[in-house]
Amino acid sequence: MIKIYDENNVFVAELKYDETFFSNYSKHSHDMLNLTAIKEGEINIDFHSFKSEVLKPNELAVFNPHQVHLSRNISKNALGYYVLYLDVDWCLDIQKNIFENLNRFYPIDINILNSQKIYEDFLDLCNNIIKKENVYMELESFISDIFRKYAKKEVLKVKNLLSNEIKEYILNNKNEVRLDDIVSNFSYSKEHIIRVFKKEFGLSPHAFIVNVKVNKARNKLNNTDNSNLTDIAYDTGFYDQSHFNKNFKKVYAVSPRTYRPIK
């Protein structure tokens, strides 16, 4: 992972590049905006509540924040795998300079951008990041163009009020949340809660909670240079280092130790 920070040393983005595609992802989401491209091969992507897509060279896959998805190899191995993660608060600041009366992040309106120019510009940007060049202005210009062309300005409607309330309860609770806590707080059966939540968000409440823990751990790794990995594991609610490593790798394809910031 190569991290990008602004002039105030605030994290804004990170790039992951692999020669081959990591094939052991679990179904998950990120709390960042994610842009992905490949040089060769094809990747099948299941987007929750949207049709499955096939990512090919000359295309860019977009994963909006908290959009549950699962990516898999098809036909042949994908080679030259670029993933750029963008901090949502930073993206929101950029959008505020583009759109009037903005009070929330506007997601991208399409999951696969079929544009050779955008694809080539994206690869140029990523390769400049890999070469350790100063790319902050280039990154800001690139993502600004994406927002102008594809940002979705409609207000998103909540489909299931109970599921959304459970989601907010999990996200806003400072203590570790368990399924029994949710059942007790909302007075519905465990089976009903699992069914409606998974239908709305694509993950069971337990899987969603684990996903939240992973993203909290990522935030800690990005904001603390000398943090102890065992402390981070316990602070974010994992049972032990092994449990932390296993779940982190299924979302970010690297161990927490490998993920540590390279500024």
Protein backbone atom coordinates (compact mmCIF):
# COMPACT_ATOMS: atom_id res chain seq x y z
CA MET A 1 0.00 0.00 0.00
CA ILE A 2 1.27 3.46 -0.92
CA LYS A 3 -0.35 6.29 1.07
CA ILE A 4 -1.01 9.83 -0.08
CA TYR A 5 -1.23 12.69 2.41
CA ASP A 6 -2.03 16.35 1.90
CA GLU A 7 0.22 19.28 2.83
CA ASN A 8 -1.03 19.03 6.43
CA ASN A 9 -0.06 15.35 6.62
CA VAL A 10 -3.71 14.28 6.59
CA PHE A 11 -4.44 10.97 4.86
CA VAL A 12 -6.40 11.35 1.59
CA ALA A 13 -5.84 8.19 -0.47
CA GLU A 14 -3.89 4.98 -0.90
CA LEU A 15 -2.93 2.77 -3.82
CA LYS A 16 -2.64 -1.00 -3.88
CA TYR A 17 -0.96 -2.62 -6.87
CA ASP A 18 -0.44 -6.34 -7.49
CA GLU A 19 0.78 -8.21 -10.53
CA THR A 20 -1.97 -10.79 -9.96
CA PHE A 21 -5.49 -10.54 -8.57
CA PHE A 22 -6.06 -11.64 -4.96
CA SER A 23 -8.67 -14.42 -5.17
CA ASN A 24 -9.70 -14.92 -1.53
CA TYR A 25 -11.83 -11.87 -0.81
CA SER A 26 -14.94 -12.22 1.32
CA LYS A 27 -18.08 -10.23 0.61
CA HIS A 28 -17.36 -6.80 2.10
CA SER A 29 -17.53 -3.03 1.77
CA HIS A 30 -15.17 -0.11 2.41
CA ASP A 31 -15.77 3.18 4.16
CA MET A 32 -13.85 4.80 1.27
CA LEU A 33 -14.49 5.38 -2.43
CA ASN A 34 -12.71 2.63 -4.36
CA LEU A 35 -11.56 2.73 -8.02
CA THR A 36 -10.21 -0.46 -9.60
CA ALA A 37 -8.64 -1.38 -12.95
CA ILE A 38 -6.79 -4.34 -14.48
CA LYS A 39 -4.37 -4.66 -17.40
CA GLU A 40 -5.28 -8.19 -18.51
CA GLY A 41 -8.00 -10.79 -17.93
CA GLU A 42 -11.49 -10.37 -16.52
CA ILE A 43 -12.95 -10.02 -13.03
CA ASN A 44 -16.57 -10.73 -12.14
CA ILE A 45 -17.97 -8.30 -9.57
CA ASP A 46 -21.17 -8.92 -7.63
CA PHE A 47 -22.64 -5.61 -6.45
CA HIS A 48 -25.36 -5.90 -3.81
CA SER A 49 -28.74 -4.68 -5.15
CA PHE A 50 -27.22 -4.19 -8.61
CA LYS A 51 -26.52 -6.57 -11.47
CA SER A 52 -23.19 -8.39 -11.60
CA GLU A 53 -20.57 -6.78 -13.82
CA VAL A 54 -17.46 -8.00 -15.63
CA LEU A 55 -14.42 -5.72 -15.34
CA LYS A 56 -12.09 -5.78 -18.36
CA PRO A 57 -9.07 -3.76 -19.49
CA ASN A 58 -9.94 -0.20 -20.63
CA GLU A 59 -12.66 0.01 -17.94
CA LEU A 60 -12.77 1.35 -14.39
CA ALA A 61 -14.80 -0.27 -11.61
CA VAL A 62 -16.32 2.04 -8.98
CA PHE A 63 -17.19 0.90 -5.46
CA ASN A 64 -19.05 3.58 -3.55
CA PRO A 65 -18.52 3.85 0.22
CA HIS A 66 -20.29 1.03 2.09
CA GLN A 67 -21.32 -0.67 -1.18
CA VAL A 68 -21.18 -4.40 -0.51
CA HIS A 69 -19.47 -6.39 -3.25
CA LEU A 70 -17.49 -9.54 -4.05
CA SER A 71 -14.88 -9.83 -6.81
CA ARG A 72 -13.73 -13.08 -8.47
CA ASN A 73 -11.47 -14.16 -11.32
CA ILE A 74 -13.14 -15.53 -14.46
CA SER A 75 -11.80 -17.09 -17.69
CA LYS A 76 -8.15 -16.40 -16.87
CA ASN A 77 -6.10 -14.72 -14.20
CA ALA A 78 -6.36 -10.96 -13.99
CA LEU A 79 -2.97 -9.28 -14.25
CA GLY A 80 -1.90 -5.76 -13.35
CA TYR A 81 -4.41 -5.08 -10.56
CA TYR A 82 -4.75 -1.43 -9.44
CA VAL A 83 -6.96 -0.38 -6.51
CA LEU A 84 -7.16 3.26 -5.41
CA TYR A 85 -8.95 4.01 -2.13
CA LEU A 86 -10.09 7.60 -1.54
CA ASP A 87 -11.00 9.09 1.84
CA VAL A 88 -14.66 10.13 1.85
CA ASP A 89 -14.15 13.33 3.86
CA TRP A 90 -11.52 14.45 1.35
CA CYS A 91 -13.85 13.55 -1.53
CA LEU A 92 -16.63 15.52 0.12
CA ASP A 93 -14.40 18.59 0.34
CA ILE A 94 -13.72 18.32 -3.39
CA GLN A 95 -17.41 17.92 -4.18
CA LYS A 96 -18.23 21.03 -2.16
CA ASN A 97 -16.10 23.00 -4.63
CA ILE A 98 -18.08 21.53 -7.53
CA PHE A 99 -21.71 21.35 -6.40
CA GLU A 100 -23.83 23.98 -4.68
CA ASN A 101 -25.63 23.42 -1.38
CA LEU A 102 -23.90 20.10 -0.80
CA ASN A 103 -24.38 18.54 2.65
CA ARG A 104 -23.47 14.90 1.98
CA PHE A 105 -21.22 12.83 -0.27
CA TYR A 106 -22.65 12.22 -3.76
CA PRO A 107 -21.93 8.61 -4.86
CA ILE A 108 -20.87 7.70 -8.40
CA ASP A 109 -23.84 6.91 -10.59
CA ILE A 110 -22.37 3.87 -12.40
CA ASN A 111 -20.42 0.80 -11.33
CA ILE A 112 -18.32 0.32 -14.49
CA LEU A 113 -16.92 3.33 -16.35
CA ASN A 114 -16.37 2.22 -19.93
CA SER A 115 -13.99 4.95 -21.06
CA GLN A 116 -10.55 4.28 -22.48
CA LYS A 117 -9.42 7.85 -21.72
CA ILE A 118 -10.45 7.64 -18.06
CA TYR A 119 -8.79 4.22 -17.87
CA GLU A 120 -5.53 5.51 -19.35
CA ASP A 121 -5.55 8.60 -17.13
CA PHE A 122 -6.16 6.37 -14.10
CA LEU A 123 -3.23 4.08 -14.96
CA ASP A 124 -0.96 7.10 -15.53
CA LEU A 125 -1.96 8.44 -12.12
CA CYS A 126 -1.38 5.09 -10.41
CA ASN A 127 2.01 4.59 -12.08
CA ASN A 128 3.09 8.08 -10.99
CA ILE A 129 2.07 7.18 -7.42
CA ILE A 130 4.14 3.99 -7.65
CA LYS A 131 7.13 6.04 -8.87
CA LYS A 132 6.74 8.18 -5.71
CA GLU A 133 6.07 11.33 -7.70
CA ASN A 134 4.19 14.26 -6.18
CA VAL A 135 0.70 13.48 -7.48
CA TYR A 136 -1.61 15.34 -5.12
CA MET A 137 -2.74 17.90 -7.72
CA GLU A 138 -3.04 15.21 -10.40
CA LEU A 139 -5.15 13.09 -8.06
CA GLU A 140 -7.40 16.01 -7.15
CA SER A 141 -7.91 16.93 -10.82
CA PHE A 142 -8.67 13.33 -11.83
CA ILE A 143 -11.27 12.69 -9.15
CA SER A 144 -12.85 16.12 -9.71
CA ASP A 145 -13.46 15.20 -13.36
CA ILE A 146 -15.02 11.89 -12.28
CA PHE A 147 -17.38 13.68 -9.90
CA ARG A 148 -18.43 16.24 -12.51
CA LYS A 149 -19.30 13.53 -15.00
CA TYR A 150 -20.73 10.75 -12.84
CA ALA A 151 -21.68 11.91 -9.33
CA LYS A 152 -25.28 11.04 -8.45
CA LYS A 153 -27.13 14.02 -7.00
CA GLU A 154 -30.44 12.37 -6.09
CA VAL A 155 -31.25 11.83 -2.42
CA LEU A 156 -30.99 8.15 -1.56
CA LYS A 157 -34.20 6.70 -0.13
CA VAL A 158 -34.12 4.34 2.82
CA LYS A 159 -35.74 1.07 1.73
CA ASN A 160 -36.10 -0.55 5.13
CA LEU A 161 -36.32 1.65 8.22
CA LEU A 162 -35.52 -1.15 10.69
CA SER A 163 -32.38 -2.18 8.79
CA ASN A 164 -31.18 1.41 8.63
CA GLU A 165 -31.79 1.92 12.36
CA ILE A 166 -29.79 -1.23 13.13
CA LYS A 167 -26.98 -0.02 10.87
CA GLU A 168 -26.84 3.35 12.64
CA TYR A 169 -26.94 1.59 16.02
CA ILE A 170 -23.89 -0.48 15.05
CA LEU A 171 -21.97 2.44 13.55
CA ASN A 172 -22.64 4.88 16.40
CA ASN A 173 -22.17 2.52 19.35
CA LYS A 174 -18.80 3.03 21.04
CA ASN A 175 -18.95 -0.40 22.66
CA GLU A 176 -18.67 -3.70 20.82
CA VAL A 177 -22.08 -4.69 19.44
CA ARG A 178 -23.26 -8.30 19.35
CA LEU A 179 -26.31 -9.78 17.67
CA ASP A 180 -27.94 -10.37 21.07
CA ASP A 181 -27.53 -6.65 21.81
CA ILE A 182 -29.38 -5.80 18.60
CA VAL A 183 -32.18 -8.26 19.38
CA SER A 184 -32.58 -6.83 22.86
CA ASN A 185 -32.52 -3.22 21.68
CA PHE A 186 -34.98 -3.60 18.79
CA SER A 187 -37.30 -6.30 20.20
CA TYR A 188 -37.46 -8.40 17.04
CA SER A 189 -36.53 -12.04 16.66
CA LYS A 190 -32.96 -12.89 15.73
CA GLU A 191 -34.13 -14.54 12.51
CA HIS A 192 -36.16 -11.51 11.41
CA ILE A 193 -33.30 -9.10 12.10
CA ILE A 194 -30.80 -11.22 10.12
CA ARG A 195 -33.23 -11.59 7.21
CA VAL A 196 -34.19 -7.91 6.77
CA PHE A 197 -30.66 -6.63 7.40
CA LYS A 198 -29.05 -8.99 4.89
CA LYS A 199 -31.68 -8.17 2.28
CA GLU A 200 -31.02 -4.44 2.67
CA PHE A 201 -27.22 -4.39 2.98
CA GLY A 202 -26.00 -7.69 1.54
CA LEU A 203 -24.31 -8.79 4.77
CA SER A 204 -25.60 -10.40 7.95
CA PRO A 205 -25.40 -8.15 11.04
CA HIS A 206 -22.42 -10.20 12.26
CA ALA A 207 -20.56 -9.87 8.94
CA PHE A 208 -21.36 -6.16 8.88
CA ILE A 209 -19.97 -5.72 12.41
CA VAL A 210 -16.74 -7.53 11.43
CA ASN A 211 -16.49 -5.32 8.34
CA VAL A 212 -16.87 -2.20 10.51
CA LYS A 213 -14.09 -3.47 12.80
CA VAL A 214 -11.77 -3.97 9.83
CA ASN A 215 -12.38 -0.44 8.56
CA LYS A 216 -11.84 1.02 12.05
CA ALA A 217 -8.55 -0.87 12.24
CA ARG A 218 -7.54 0.51 8.84
CA ASN A 219 -8.23 4.04 10.07
CA LYS A 220 -6.02 3.46 13.10
CA LEU A 221 -3.22 2.11 10.93
CA ASN A 222 -3.41 5.18 8.68
CA ASN A 223 -3.32 7.63 11.56
CA THR A 224 -0.75 6.08 13.89
CA ASP A 225 2.75 5.30 12.64
CA ASN A 226 4.02 3.28 15.59
CA SER A 227 0.84 1.56 16.75
CA ASN A 228 1.08 -1.90 18.21
CA LEU A 229 -0.88 -4.35 16.04
CA THR A 230 -2.03 -6.39 19.02
CA ASP A 231 -3.38 -3.24 20.68
CA ILE A 232 -5.21 -2.28 17.49
CA ALA A 233 -6.72 -5.78 17.28
CA TYR A 234 -8.12 -5.55 20.81
CA ASP A 235 -9.12 -1.88 20.49
CA THR A 236 -11.25 -2.65 17.45
CA GLY A 237 -12.93 -5.71 18.96
CA PHE A 238 -11.02 -8.68 17.52
CA TYR A 239 -10.41 -11.71 19.71
CA ASP A 240 -6.69 -11.93 18.97
CA GLN A 241 -4.02 -11.10 16.38
CA SER A 242 -4.84 -14.13 14.24
CA HIS A 243 -8.54 -13.22 14.05
CA PHE A 244 -7.57 -9.65 13.15
CA ASN A 245 -5.12 -10.71 10.42
CA LYS A 246 -7.53 -13.18 8.83
CA ASN A 247 -10.44 -10.75 8.52
CA PHE A 248 -8.29 -7.78 7.51
CA LYS A 249 -6.72 -9.70 4.63
CA LYS A 250 -10.12 -10.78 3.29
CA VAL A 251 -11.04 -7.11 2.82
CA TYR A 252 -7.72 -5.48 1.87
CA ALA A 253 -5.80 -8.48 0.47
CA VAL A 254 -2.78 -7.77 2.70
CA SER A 255 -1.98 -8.31 6.36
CA PRO A 256 -2.20 -5.35 8.77
CA ARG A 257 1.60 -5.40 9.08
CA THR A 258 2.06 -5.11 5.31
CA TYR A 259 -0.61 -2.43 5.19
CA ARG A 260 1.28 -0.02 7.49
CA PRO A 261 1.66 3.47 5.98
CA ILE A 262 4.32 4.17 3.39
CA LYS A 263 4.15 7.93 3.03
